[in-house]
Amino acid sequence: VERRLNLYVQPLGGEAKQVTAVADRDIRQYFWKGDDY
């Protein structure tokens, strides 16, 4: 998103949605915590 890797979520069979808007650095390390975060 504007040259930075941001997080998206997508329900199986559904549409993808952007959930972060980080502008300074790519997000390269992430993980799920439960089903909500």
Full PDB file with SEQRES, HELIX, SHEET, SSBOND, CRYST1, ORIGX, SCALE, CONECT and MASTER records, all heavy atoms in Angstrom:
SEQRES   1 A   37  VAL GLU ARG ARG LEU ASN LEU TYR VAL GLN PRO LEU GLY          
SEQRES   2 A   37  GLY GLU ALA LYS GLN VAL THR ALA VAL ALA ASP ARG ASP          
SEQRES   3 A   37  ILE ARG GLN TYR PHE TRP LYS GLY ASP ASP TYR                  
SHEET    1 AA1 2 TYR A   8  VAL A   9  0                                        
SHEET    2 AA1 2 LYS A  17  GLN A  18 -1                                        
CRYST1    1.000    1.000    1.000  90.00  90.00  90.00 P 1           1          
ORIGX1      1.000000  0.000000  0.000000        0.00000                         
ORIGX2      0.000000  1.000000  0.000000        0.00000                         
ORIGX3      0.000000  0.000000  1.000000        0.00000                         
SCALE1      1.000000  0.000000  0.000000        0.00000                         
SCALE2      0.000000  1.000000  0.000000        0.00000                         
SCALE3      0.000000  0.000000  1.000000        0.00000                         
ATOM      1  N   VAL A   1       0.877  -1.167   0.000  1.00  0.00           N  
ATOM      2  CA  VAL A   1       0.000   0.000   0.000  1.00  0.00           C  
ATOM      3  C   VAL A   1       0.915   1.218   0.000  1.00  0.00           C  
ATOM      4  O   VAL A   1       1.631   1.458   0.972  1.00  0.00           O  
ATOM      5  CB  VAL A   1      -0.918   0.034   1.237  1.00  0.00           C  
ATOM      6  CG1 VAL A   1      -1.804   1.291   1.206  1.00  0.00           C  
ATOM      7  CG2 VAL A   1      -1.762  -1.214   1.330  1.00  0.00           C  
ATOM      8  N   GLU A   2       0.925   1.944  -1.116  1.00  0.00           N  
ATOM      9  CA  GLU A   2       1.829   3.083  -1.261  1.00  0.00           C  
ATOM     10  C   GLU A   2       3.253   2.698  -0.864  1.00  0.00           C  
ATOM     11  O   GLU A   2       3.893   3.344  -0.051  1.00  0.00           O  
ATOM     12  CB  GLU A   2       1.321   4.274  -0.445  1.00  0.00           C  
ATOM     13  CG  GLU A   2      -0.030   4.801  -0.947  1.00  0.00           C  
ATOM     14  CD  GLU A   2      -0.522   6.004  -0.172  1.00  0.00           C  
ATOM     15  OE1 GLU A   2       0.173   6.434   0.776  1.00  0.00           O  
ATOM     16  OE2 GLU A   2      -1.600   6.523  -0.518  1.00  0.00           O  
ATOM     17  N   ARG A   3       3.729   1.576  -1.417  1.00  0.00           N  
ATOM     18  CA  ARG A   3       5.102   1.086  -1.329  1.00  0.00           C  
ATOM     19  C   ARG A   3       5.444   0.422  -0.001  1.00  0.00           C  
ATOM     20  O   ARG A   3       6.589   0.037   0.208  1.00  0.00           O  
ATOM     21  CB  ARG A   3       6.117   2.200  -1.610  1.00  0.00           C  
ATOM     22  CG  ARG A   3       5.881   2.960  -2.885  1.00  0.00           C  
ATOM     23  CD  ARG A   3       6.994   3.935  -3.160  1.00  0.00           C  
ATOM     24  NE  ARG A   3       7.965   3.353  -4.068  1.00  0.00           N  
ATOM     25  CZ  ARG A   3       8.900   4.073  -4.701  1.00  0.00           C  
ATOM     26  NH1 ARG A   3       8.983   5.368  -4.496  1.00  0.00           N  
ATOM     27  NH2 ARG A   3       9.739   3.494  -5.519  1.00  0.00           N  
ATOM     28  N   ARG A   4       4.470   0.246   0.892  1.00  0.00           N  
ATOM     29  CA  ARG A   4       4.757  -0.425   2.151  1.00  0.00           C  
ATOM     30  C   ARG A   4       3.866  -1.656   2.290  1.00  0.00           C  
ATOM     31  O   ARG A   4       2.656  -1.594   2.031  1.00  0.00           O  
ATOM     32  CB  ARG A   4       4.506   0.513   3.338  1.00  0.00           C  
ATOM     33  CG  ARG A   4       5.371   1.760   3.348  1.00  0.00           C  
ATOM     34  CD  ARG A   4       6.838   1.434   3.612  1.00  0.00           C  
ATOM     35  NE  ARG A   4       7.625   2.660   3.567  1.00  0.00           N  
ATOM     36  CZ  ARG A   4       8.333   3.067   2.517  1.00  0.00           C  
ATOM     37  NH1 ARG A   4       8.354   2.328   1.407  1.00  0.00           N  
ATOM     38  NH2 ARG A   4       9.023   4.181   2.567  1.00  0.00           N  
ATOM     39  N   LEU A   5       4.453  -2.764   2.712  1.00  0.00           N  
ATOM     40  CA  LEU A   5       3.690  -3.979   2.928  1.00  0.00           C  
ATOM     41  C   LEU A   5       2.806  -3.817   4.158  1.00  0.00           C  
ATOM     42  O   LEU A   5       3.298  -3.557   5.267  1.00  0.00           O  
ATOM     43  CB  LEU A   5       4.626  -5.175   3.115  1.00  0.00           C  
ATOM     44  CG  LEU A   5       5.397  -5.635   1.872  1.00  0.00           C  
ATOM     45  CD1 LEU A   5       6.392  -6.727   2.248  1.00  0.00           C  
ATOM     46  CD2 LEU A   5       4.451  -6.123   0.788  1.00  0.00           C  
ATOM     47  N   ASN A   6       1.502  -3.942   3.946  1.00  0.00           N  
ATOM     48  CA  ASN A   6       0.534  -3.834   5.020  1.00  0.00           C  
ATOM     49  C   ASN A   6      -0.282  -5.102   5.117  1.00  0.00           C  
ATOM     50  O   ASN A   6      -0.284  -5.937   4.200  1.00  0.00           O  
ATOM     51  CB  ASN A   6      -0.376  -2.629   4.795  1.00  0.00           C  
ATOM     52  CG  ASN A   6       0.195  -1.362   5.404  1.00  0.00           C  
ATOM     53  OD1 ASN A   6      -0.008  -1.092   6.591  1.00  0.00           O  
ATOM     54  ND2 ASN A   6       0.922  -0.584   4.605  1.00  0.00           N  
ATOM     55  N   LEU A   7      -0.996  -5.240   6.236  1.00  0.00           N  
ATOM     56  CA  LEU A   7      -1.752  -6.456   6.508  1.00  0.00           C  
ATOM     57  C   LEU A   7      -3.160  -6.394   5.922  1.00  0.00           C  
ATOM     58  O   LEU A   7      -3.836  -5.359   6.013  1.00  0.00           O  
ATOM     59  CB  LEU A   7      -1.854  -6.683   8.021  1.00  0.00           C  
ATOM     60  CG  LEU A   7      -0.631  -7.270   8.713  1.00  0.00           C  
ATOM     61  CD1 LEU A   7      -0.820  -7.239  10.223  1.00  0.00           C  
ATOM     62  CD2 LEU A   7      -0.381  -8.706   8.256  1.00  0.00           C  
ATOM     63  N   TYR A   8      -3.578  -7.521   5.363  1.00  0.00           N  
ATOM     64  CA  TYR A   8      -4.937  -7.723   4.863  1.00  0.00           C  
ATOM     65  C   TYR A   8      -5.497  -8.984   5.496  1.00  0.00           C  
ATOM     66  O   TYR A   8      -4.739  -9.916   5.794  1.00  0.00           O  
ATOM     67  CB  TYR A   8      -4.945  -7.894   3.345  1.00  0.00           C  
ATOM     68  CG  TYR A   8      -4.784  -6.614   2.557  1.00  0.00           C  
ATOM     69  CD1 TYR A   8      -3.569  -5.940   2.523  1.00  0.00           C  
ATOM     70  CD2 TYR A   8      -5.852  -6.076   1.831  1.00  0.00           C  
ATOM     71  CE1 TYR A   8      -3.415  -4.766   1.796  1.00  0.00           C  
ATOM     72  CE2 TYR A   8      -5.710  -4.909   1.102  1.00  0.00           C  
ATOM     73  CZ  TYR A   8      -4.493  -4.258   1.087  1.00  0.00           C  
ATOM     74  OH  TYR A   8      -4.355  -3.097   0.363  1.00  0.00           O  
ATOM     75  N   VAL A   9      -6.809  -9.024   5.657  1.00  0.00           N  
ATOM     76  CA  VAL A   9      -7.483 -10.249   6.056  1.00  0.00           C  
ATOM     77  C   VAL A   9      -8.571 -10.552   5.030  1.00  0.00           C  
ATOM     78  O   VAL A   9      -9.105  -9.651   4.383  1.00  0.00           O  
ATOM     79  CB  VAL A   9      -8.093 -10.161   7.473  1.00  0.00           C  
ATOM     80  CG1 VAL A   9      -7.013  -9.929   8.513  1.00  0.00           C  
ATOM     81  CG2 VAL A   9      -9.153  -9.076   7.550  1.00  0.00           C  
ATOM     82  N   GLN A  10      -8.872 -11.838   4.887  1.00  0.00           N  
ATOM     83  CA  GLN A  10      -9.857 -12.257   3.884  1.00  0.00           C  
ATOM     84  C   GLN A  10     -10.560 -13.519   4.361  1.00  0.00           C  
ATOM     85  O   GLN A  10      -9.933 -14.584   4.440  1.00  0.00           O  
ATOM     86  CB  GLN A  10      -9.167 -12.510   2.539  1.00  0.00           C  
ATOM     87  CG  GLN A  10     -10.112 -12.924   1.435  1.00  0.00           C  
ATOM     88  CD  GLN A  10      -9.385 -13.115   0.102  1.00  0.00           C  
ATOM     89  OE1 GLN A  10      -8.170 -12.948   0.017  1.00  0.00           O  
ATOM     90  NE2 GLN A  10     -10.134 -13.449  -0.922  1.00  0.00           N  
ATOM     91  N   PRO A  11     -11.846 -13.421   4.678  1.00  0.00           N  
ATOM     92  CA  PRO A  11     -12.585 -14.651   5.001  1.00  0.00           C  
ATOM     93  C   PRO A  11     -12.542 -15.610   3.815  1.00  0.00           C  
ATOM     94  O   PRO A  11     -12.562 -15.173   2.655  1.00  0.00           O  
ATOM     95  CB  PRO A  11     -14.014 -14.139   5.242  1.00  0.00           C  
ATOM     96  CG  PRO A  11     -13.871 -12.679   5.527  1.00  0.00           C  
ATOM     97  CD  PRO A  11     -12.692 -12.217   4.735  1.00  0.00           C  
ATOM     98  N   LEU A  12     -12.440 -16.895   4.091  1.00  0.00           N  
ATOM     99  CA  LEU A  12     -12.417 -17.864   2.997  1.00  0.00           C  
ATOM    100  C   LEU A  12     -13.675 -17.693   2.147  1.00  0.00           C  
ATOM    101  O   LEU A  12     -14.792 -17.734   2.659  1.00  0.00           O  
ATOM    102  CB  LEU A  12     -12.338 -19.288   3.541  1.00  0.00           C  
ATOM    103  CG  LEU A  12     -11.059 -19.657   4.317  1.00  0.00           C  
ATOM    104  CD1 LEU A  12     -11.064 -21.141   4.646  1.00  0.00           C  
ATOM    105  CD2 LEU A  12      -9.808 -19.277   3.550  1.00  0.00           C  
ATOM    106  N   GLY A  13     -13.461 -17.465   0.863  1.00  0.00           N  
ATOM    107  CA  GLY A  13     -14.572 -17.240  -0.039  1.00  0.00           C  
ATOM    108  C   GLY A  13     -15.083 -15.814  -0.048  1.00  0.00           C  
ATOM    109  O   GLY A  13     -16.031 -15.491  -0.779  1.00  0.00           O  
ATOM    110  N   GLY A  14     -14.452 -14.932   0.750  1.00  0.00           N  
ATOM    111  CA  GLY A  14     -14.913 -13.547   0.842  1.00  0.00           C  
ATOM    112  C   GLY A  14     -13.932 -12.565   0.222  1.00  0.00           C  
ATOM    113  O   GLY A  14     -13.012 -12.940  -0.516  1.00  0.00           O  
ATOM    114  N   GLU A  15     -14.122 -11.283   0.509  1.00  0.00           N  
ATOM    115  CA  GLU A  15     -13.300 -10.211  -0.037  1.00  0.00           C  
ATOM    116  C   GLU A  15     -12.186  -9.833   0.943  1.00  0.00           C  
ATOM    117  O   GLU A  15     -12.370  -9.867   2.159  1.00  0.00           O  
ATOM    118  CB  GLU A  15     -14.162  -8.971  -0.329  1.00  0.00           C  
ATOM    119  CG  GLU A  15     -15.227  -9.188  -1.400  1.00  0.00           C  
ATOM    120  CD  GLU A  15     -14.613  -9.487  -2.759  1.00  0.00           C  
ATOM    121  OE1 GLU A  15     -13.627  -8.800  -3.113  1.00  0.00           O  
ATOM    122  OE2 GLU A  15     -15.106 -10.392  -3.452  1.00  0.00           O  
ATOM    123  N   ALA A  16     -11.044  -9.456   0.390  1.00  0.00           N  
ATOM    124  CA  ALA A  16      -9.911  -9.031   1.207  1.00  0.00           C  
ATOM    125  C   ALA A  16     -10.126  -7.617   1.715  1.00  0.00           C  
ATOM    126  O   ALA A  16     -10.684  -6.760   1.021  1.00  0.00           O  
ATOM    127  CB  ALA A  16      -8.620  -9.120   0.408  1.00  0.00           C  
ATOM    128  N   LYS A  17      -9.636  -7.358   2.932  1.00  0.00           N  
ATOM    129  CA  LYS A  17      -9.770  -6.037   3.536  1.00  0.00           C  
ATOM    130  C   LYS A  17      -8.450  -5.625   4.158  1.00  0.00           C  
ATOM    131  O   LYS A  17      -7.830  -6.390   4.896  1.00  0.00           O  
ATOM    132  CB  LYS A  17     -10.860  -6.067   4.616  1.00  0.00           C  
ATOM    133  CG  LYS A  17     -11.031  -4.740   5.345  1.00  0.00           C  
ATOM    134  CD  LYS A  17     -12.086  -4.844   6.443  1.00  0.00           C  
ATOM    135  CE  LYS A  17     -12.222  -3.523   7.184  1.00  0.00           C  
ATOM    136  NZ  LYS A  17     -13.260  -3.594   8.250  1.00  0.00           N  
ATOM    137  N   GLN A  18      -8.011  -4.405   3.869  1.00  0.00           N  
ATOM    138  CA  GLN A  18      -6.808  -3.859   4.480  1.00  0.00           C  
ATOM    139  C   GLN A  18      -7.089  -3.528   5.939  1.00  0.00           C  
ATOM    140  O   GLN A  18      -8.088  -2.897   6.262  1.00  0.00           O  
ATOM    141  CB  GLN A  18      -6.376  -2.593   3.737  1.00  0.00           C  
ATOM    142  CG  GLN A  18      -5.112  -1.943   4.288  1.00  0.00           C  
ATOM    143  CD  GLN A  18      -4.790  -0.628   3.582  1.00  0.00           C  
ATOM    144  OE1 GLN A  18      -5.323  -0.351   2.509  1.00  0.00           O  
ATOM    145  NE2 GLN A  18      -3.931   0.178   4.187  1.00  0.00           N  
ATOM    146  N   VAL A  19      -6.177  -3.954   6.845  1.00  0.00           N  
ATOM    147  CA  VAL A  19      -6.414  -3.705   8.274  1.00  0.00           C  
ATOM    148  C   VAL A  19      -5.325  -2.854   8.929  1.00  0.00           C  
ATOM    149  O   VAL A  19      -5.470  -2.445  10.081  1.00  0.00           O  
ATOM    150  CB  VAL A  19      -6.594  -5.019   9.060  1.00  0.00           C  
ATOM    151  CG1 VAL A  19      -7.833  -5.756   8.580  1.00  0.00           C  
ATOM    152  CG2 VAL A  19      -5.359  -5.912   8.974  1.00  0.00           C  
ATOM    153  N   THR A  20      -4.207  -2.596   8.223  1.00  0.00           N  
ATOM    154  CA  THR A  20      -3.198  -1.667   8.751  1.00  0.00           C  
ATOM    155  C   THR A  20      -2.908  -0.608   7.700  1.00  0.00           C  
ATOM    156  O   THR A  20      -3.156  -0.808   6.508  1.00  0.00           O  
ATOM    157  CB  THR A  20      -1.887  -2.383   9.125  1.00  0.00           C  
ATOM    158  OG1 THR A  20      -1.335  -3.007   7.940  1.00  0.00           O  
ATOM    159  CG2 THR A  20      -2.108  -3.442  10.203  1.00  0.00           C  
ATOM    160  N   ALA A  21      -2.355   0.499   8.173  1.00  0.00           N  
ATOM    161  CA  ALA A  21      -1.990   1.598   7.271  1.00  0.00           C  
ATOM    162  C   ALA A  21      -0.628   2.136   7.684  1.00  0.00           C  
ATOM    163  O   ALA A  21      -0.442   3.333   7.948  1.00  0.00           O  
ATOM    164  CB  ALA A  21      -3.049   2.699   7.311  1.00  0.00           C  
ATOM    165  N   VAL A  22       0.332   1.238   7.769  1.00  0.00           N  
ATOM    166  CA  VAL A  22       1.692   1.625   8.160  1.00  0.00           C  
ATOM    167  C   VAL A  22       2.377   2.277   6.973  1.00  0.00           C  
ATOM    168  O   VAL A  22       2.387   1.717   5.864  1.00  0.00           O  
ATOM    169  CB  VAL A  22       2.476   0.396   8.650  1.00  0.00           C  
ATOM    170  CG1 VAL A  22       3.921   0.763   8.936  1.00  0.00           C  
ATOM    171  CG2 VAL A  22       1.814  -0.189   9.891  1.00  0.00           C  
ATOM    172  N   ALA A  23       2.974   3.442   7.181  1.00  0.00           N  
ATOM    173  CA  ALA A  23       3.531   4.213   6.072  1.00  0.00           C  
ATOM    174  C   ALA A  23       5.050   4.291   6.079  1.00  0.00           C  
ATOM    175  O   ALA A  23       5.639   4.685   5.067  1.00  0.00           O  
ATOM    176  CB  ALA A  23       2.951   5.633   6.091  1.00  0.00           C  
ATOM    177  N   ASP A  24       5.706   3.924   7.207  1.00  0.00           N  
ATOM    178  CA  ASP A  24       7.150   4.133   7.280  1.00  0.00           C  
ATOM    179  C   ASP A  24       7.976   2.885   7.001  1.00  0.00           C  
ATOM    180  O   ASP A  24       9.064   2.982   6.440  1.00  0.00           O  
ATOM    181  CB  ASP A  24       7.541   4.732   8.638  1.00  0.00           C  
ATOM    182  CG  ASP A  24       7.149   3.831   9.803  1.00  0.00           C  
ATOM    183  OD1 ASP A  24       6.169   3.067   9.666  1.00  0.00           O  
ATOM    184  OD2 ASP A  24       7.806   3.898  10.862  1.00  0.00           O  
ATOM    185  N   ARG A  25       7.482   1.699   7.387  1.00  0.00           N  
ATOM    186  CA  ARG A  25       8.246   0.459   7.209  1.00  0.00           C  
ATOM    187  C   ARG A  25       7.301  -0.649   6.752  1.00  0.00           C  
ATOM    188  O   ARG A  25       6.103  -0.639   7.067  1.00  0.00           O  
ATOM    189  CB  ARG A  25       8.906   0.007   8.522  1.00  0.00           C  
ATOM    190  CG  ARG A  25       9.760   1.042   9.201  1.00  0.00           C  
ATOM    191  CD  ARG A  25      11.011   1.364   8.426  1.00  0.00           C  
ATOM    192  NE  ARG A  25      12.053   0.361   8.574  1.00  0.00           N  
ATOM    193  CZ  ARG A  25      13.226   0.434   7.950  1.00  0.00           C  
ATOM    194  NH1 ARG A  25      13.477   1.431   7.115  1.00  0.00           N  
ATOM    195  NH2 ARG A  25      14.147  -0.489   8.139  1.00  0.00           N  
ATOM    196  N   ASP A  26       7.852  -1.626   6.034  1.00  0.00           N  
ATOM    197  CA  ASP A  26       7.086  -2.816   5.686  1.00  0.00           C  
ATOM    198  C   ASP A  26       6.773  -3.632   6.937  1.00  0.00           C  
ATOM    199  O   ASP A  26       7.586  -3.694   7.865  1.00  0.00           O  
ATOM    200  CB  ASP A  26       7.876  -3.713   4.729  1.00  0.00           C  
ATOM    201  CG  ASP A  26       8.073  -3.087   3.361  1.00  0.00           C  
ATOM    202  OD1 ASP A  26       7.203  -2.328   2.925  1.00  0.00           O  
ATOM    203  OD2 ASP A  26       9.114  -3.383   2.729  1.00  0.00           O  
ATOM    204  N   ILE A  27       5.623  -4.264   6.944  1.00  0.00           N  
ATOM    205  CA  ILE A  27       5.318  -5.273   7.964  1.00  0.00           C  
ATOM    206  C   ILE A  27       5.796  -6.612   7.414  1.00  0.00           C  
ATOM    207  O   ILE A  27       5.271  -7.112   6.425  1.00  0.00           O  
ATOM    208  CB  ILE A  27       3.819  -5.325   8.282  1.00  0.00           C  
ATOM    209  CG1 ILE A  27       3.363  -3.997   8.907  1.00  0.00           C  
ATOM    210  CG2 ILE A  27       3.515  -6.494   9.227  1.00  0.00           C  
ATOM    211  CD1 ILE A  27       1.871  -3.924   9.157  1.00  0.00           C  
ATOM    212  N   ARG A  28       6.795  -7.179   8.046  1.00  0.00           N  
ATOM    213  CA  ARG A  28       7.374  -8.435   7.557  1.00  0.00           C  
ATOM    214  C   ARG A  28       7.215  -9.582   8.551  1.00  0.00           C  
ATOM    215  O   ARG A  28       7.306 -10.739   8.174  1.00  0.00           O  
ATOM    216  CB  ARG A  28       8.847  -8.239   7.210  1.00  0.00           C  
ATOM    217  CG  ARG A  28       9.035  -7.274   6.042  1.00  0.00           C  
ATOM    218  CD  ARG A  28      10.462  -7.257   5.521  1.00  0.00           C  
ATOM    219  NE  ARG A  28      10.585  -6.388   4.354  1.00  0.00           N  
ATOM    220  CZ  ARG A  28      10.350  -6.751   3.101  1.00  0.00           C  
ATOM    221  NH1 ARG A  28       9.966  -7.996   2.852  1.00  0.00           N  
ATOM    222  NH2 ARG A  28      10.493  -5.893   2.111  1.00  0.00           N  
ATOM    223  N   GLN A  29       7.012  -9.273   9.819  1.00  0.00           N  
ATOM    224  CA  GLN A  29       6.843 -10.308  10.835  1.00  0.00           C  
ATOM    225  C   GLN A  29       5.505 -10.091  11.540  1.00  0.00           C  
ATOM    226  O   GLN A  29       5.297  -9.047  12.159  1.00  0.00           O  
ATOM    227  CB  GLN A  29       7.966 -10.238  11.870  1.00  0.00           C  
ATOM    228  CG  GLN A  29       9.363 -10.403  11.284  1.00  0.00           C  
ATOM    229  CD  GLN A  29      10.435 -10.267  12.353  1.00  0.00           C  
ATOM    230  OE1 GLN A  29      10.610 -11.144  13.200  1.00  0.00           O  
ATOM    231  NE2 GLN A  29      11.152  -9.149  12.340  1.00  0.00           N  
ATOM    232  N   TYR A  30       4.629 -11.070  11.442  1.00  0.00           N  
ATOM    233  CA  TYR A  30       3.341 -10.962  12.122  1.00  0.00           C  
ATOM    234  C   TYR A  30       2.790 -12.353  12.391  1.00  0.00           C  
ATOM    235  O   TYR A  30       3.260 -13.348  11.834  1.00  0.00           O  
ATOM    236  CB  TYR A  30       2.349 -10.135  11.289  1.00  0.00           C  
ATOM    237  CG  TYR A  30       1.645 -10.905  10.195  1.00  0.00           C  
ATOM    238  CD1 TYR A  30       0.408 -11.510  10.422  1.00  0.00           C  
ATOM    239  CD2 TYR A  30       2.217 -11.065   8.928  1.00  0.00           C  
ATOM    240  CE1 TYR A  30      -0.245 -12.231   9.431  1.00  0.00           C  
ATOM    241  CE2 TYR A  30       1.571 -11.785   7.930  1.00  0.00           C  
ATOM    242  CZ  TYR A  30       0.343 -12.369   8.194  1.00  0.00           C  
ATOM    243  OH  TYR A  30      -0.296 -13.095   7.215  1.00  0.00           O  
ATOM    244  N   PHE A  31       1.775 -12.429  13.252  1.00  0.00           N  
ATOM    245  CA  PHE A  31       1.116 -13.709  13.522  1.00  0.00           C  
ATOM    246  C   PHE A  31      -0.270 -13.439  14.102  1.00  0.00           C  
ATOM    247  O   PHE A  31      -0.556 -12.349  14.615  1.00  0.00           O  
ATOM    248  CB  PHE A  31       1.946 -14.581  14.472  1.00  0.00           C  
ATOM    249  CG  PHE A  31       2.257 -13.958  15.806  1.00  0.00           C  
ATOM    250  CD1 PHE A  31       1.463 -14.207  16.916  1.00  0.00           C  
ATOM    251  CD2 PHE A  31       3.363 -13.127  15.959  1.00  0.00           C  
ATOM    252  CE1 PHE A  31       1.741 -13.643  18.148  1.00  0.00           C  
ATOM    253  CE2 PHE A  31       3.657 -12.553  17.191  1.00  0.00           C  
ATOM    254  CZ  PHE A  31       2.852 -12.809  18.287  1.00  0.00           C  
ATOM    255  N   TRP A  32      -1.122 -14.438  13.988  1.00  0.00           N  
ATOM    256  CA  TRP A  32      -2.455 -14.367  14.577  1.00  0.00           C  
ATOM    257  C   TRP A  32      -2.354 -14.584  16.081  1.00  0.00           C  
ATOM    258  O   TRP A  32      -1.589 -15.431  16.559  1.00  0.00           O  
ATOM    259  CB  TRP A  32      -3.367 -15.435  13.996  1.00  0.00           C  
ATOM    260  CG  TRP A  32      -3.915 -15.127  12.639  1.00  0.00           C  
ATOM    261  CD1 TRP A  32      -3.339 -15.420  11.435  1.00  0.00           C  
ATOM    262  CD2 TRP A  32      -5.155 -14.471  12.357  1.00  0.00           C  
ATOM    263  NE1 TRP A  32      -4.142 -14.984  10.413  1.00  0.00           N  
ATOM    264  CE2 TRP A  32      -5.266 -14.395  10.942  1.00  0.00           C  
ATOM    265  CE3 TRP A  32      -6.175 -13.939  13.136  1.00  0.00           C  
ATOM    266  CZ2 TRP A  32      -6.353 -13.811  10.313  1.00  0.00           C  
ATOM    267  CZ3 TRP A  32      -7.270 -13.361  12.522  1.00  0.00           C  
ATOM    268  CH2 TRP A  32      -7.353 -13.291  11.115  1.00  0.00           C  
ATOM    269  N   LYS A  33      -3.178 -13.824  16.836  1.00  0.00           N  
ATOM    270  CA  LYS A  33      -3.362 -14.096  18.260  1.00  0.00           C  
ATOM    271  C   LYS A  33      -4.838 -14.352  18.470  1.00  0.00           C  
ATOM    272  O   LYS A  33      -5.666 -13.421  18.461  1.00  0.00           O  
ATOM    273  CB  LYS A  33      -2.889 -12.913  19.105  1.00  0.00           C  
ATOM    274  CG  LYS A  33      -3.005 -13.189  20.604  1.00  0.00           C  
ATOM    275  CD  LYS A  33      -2.213 -14.432  21.000  1.00  0.00           C  
ATOM    276  CE  LYS A  33      -2.505 -14.854  22.429  1.00  0.00           C  
ATOM    277  NZ  LYS A  33      -1.910 -16.170  22.736  1.00  0.00           N  
ATOM    278  N   GLY A  34      -5.194 -15.618  18.613  1.00  0.00           N  
ATOM    279  CA  GLY A  34      -6.593 -15.990  18.605  1.00  0.00           C  
ATOM    280  C   GLY A  34      -7.177 -15.726  17.223  1.00  0.00           C  
ATOM    281  O   GLY A  34      -6.453 -15.587  16.235  1.00  0.00           O  
ATOM    282  N   ASP A  35      -8.481 -15.637  17.149  1.00  0.00           N  
ATOM    283  CA  ASP A  35      -9.152 -15.426  15.865  1.00  0.00           C  
ATOM    284  C   ASP A  35      -9.502 -13.961  15.613  1.00  0.00           C  
ATOM    285  O   ASP A  35     -10.045 -13.640  14.555  1.00  0.00           O  
ATOM    286  CB  ASP A  35     -10.438 -16.264  15.807  1.00  0.00           C  
ATOM    287  CG  ASP A  35     -10.152 -17.753  15.886  1.00  0.00           C  
ATOM    288  OD1 ASP A  35      -9.233 -18.213  15.172  1.00  0.00           O  
ATOM    289  OD2 ASP A  35     -10.835 -18.445  16.671  1.00  0.00           O  
ATOM    290  N   ASP A  36      -9.180 -13.089  16.576  1.00  0.00           N  
ATOM    291  CA  ASP A  36      -9.641 -11.704  16.480  1.00  0.00           C  
ATOM    292  C   ASP A  36      -8.533 -10.673  16.346  1.00  0.00           C  
ATOM    293  O   ASP A  36      -8.809  -9.512  16.042  1.00  0.00           O  
ATOM    294  CB  ASP A  36     -10.486 -11.349  17.714  1.00  0.00           C  
ATOM    295  CG  ASP A  36     -11.743 -12.189  17.806  1.00  0.00           C  
ATOM    296  OD1 ASP A  36     -12.360 -12.440  16.754  1.00  0.00           O  
ATOM    297  OD2 ASP A  36     -12.090 -12.616  18.928  1.00  0.00           O  
ATOM    298  N   TYR A  37      -7.287 -11.066  16.588  1.00  0.00           N  
ATOM    299  CA  TYR A  37      -6.201 -10.091  16.554  1.00  0.00           C  
ATOM    300  C   TYR A  37      -5.023 -10.617  15.730  1.00  0.00           C  
ATOM    301  O   TYR A  37      -4.786 -11.824  15.653  1.00  0.00           O  
ATOM    302  CB  TYR A  37      -5.700  -9.785  17.967  1.00  0.00           C  
ATOM    303  CG  TYR A  37      -6.706  -9.091  18.853  1.00  0.00           C  
ATOM    304  CD1 TYR A  37      -7.542  -9.835  19.687  1.00  0.00           C  
ATOM    305  CD2 TYR A  37      -6.822  -7.700  18.859  1.00  0.00           C  
ATOM    306  CE1 TYR A  37      -8.474  -9.212  20.502  1.00  0.00           C  
ATOM    307  CE2 TYR A  37      -7.753  -7.068  19.679  1.00  0.00           C  
ATOM    308  CZ  TYR A  37      -8.571  -7.827  20.493  1.00  0.00           C  
ATOM    309  OH  TYR A  37      -9.500  -7.207  21.294  1.00  0.00           O  
TER     310      TYR A  37                                                      
MASTER        0    0    0    0    2    0    0    6  309    1    0    3          
END                                                                             
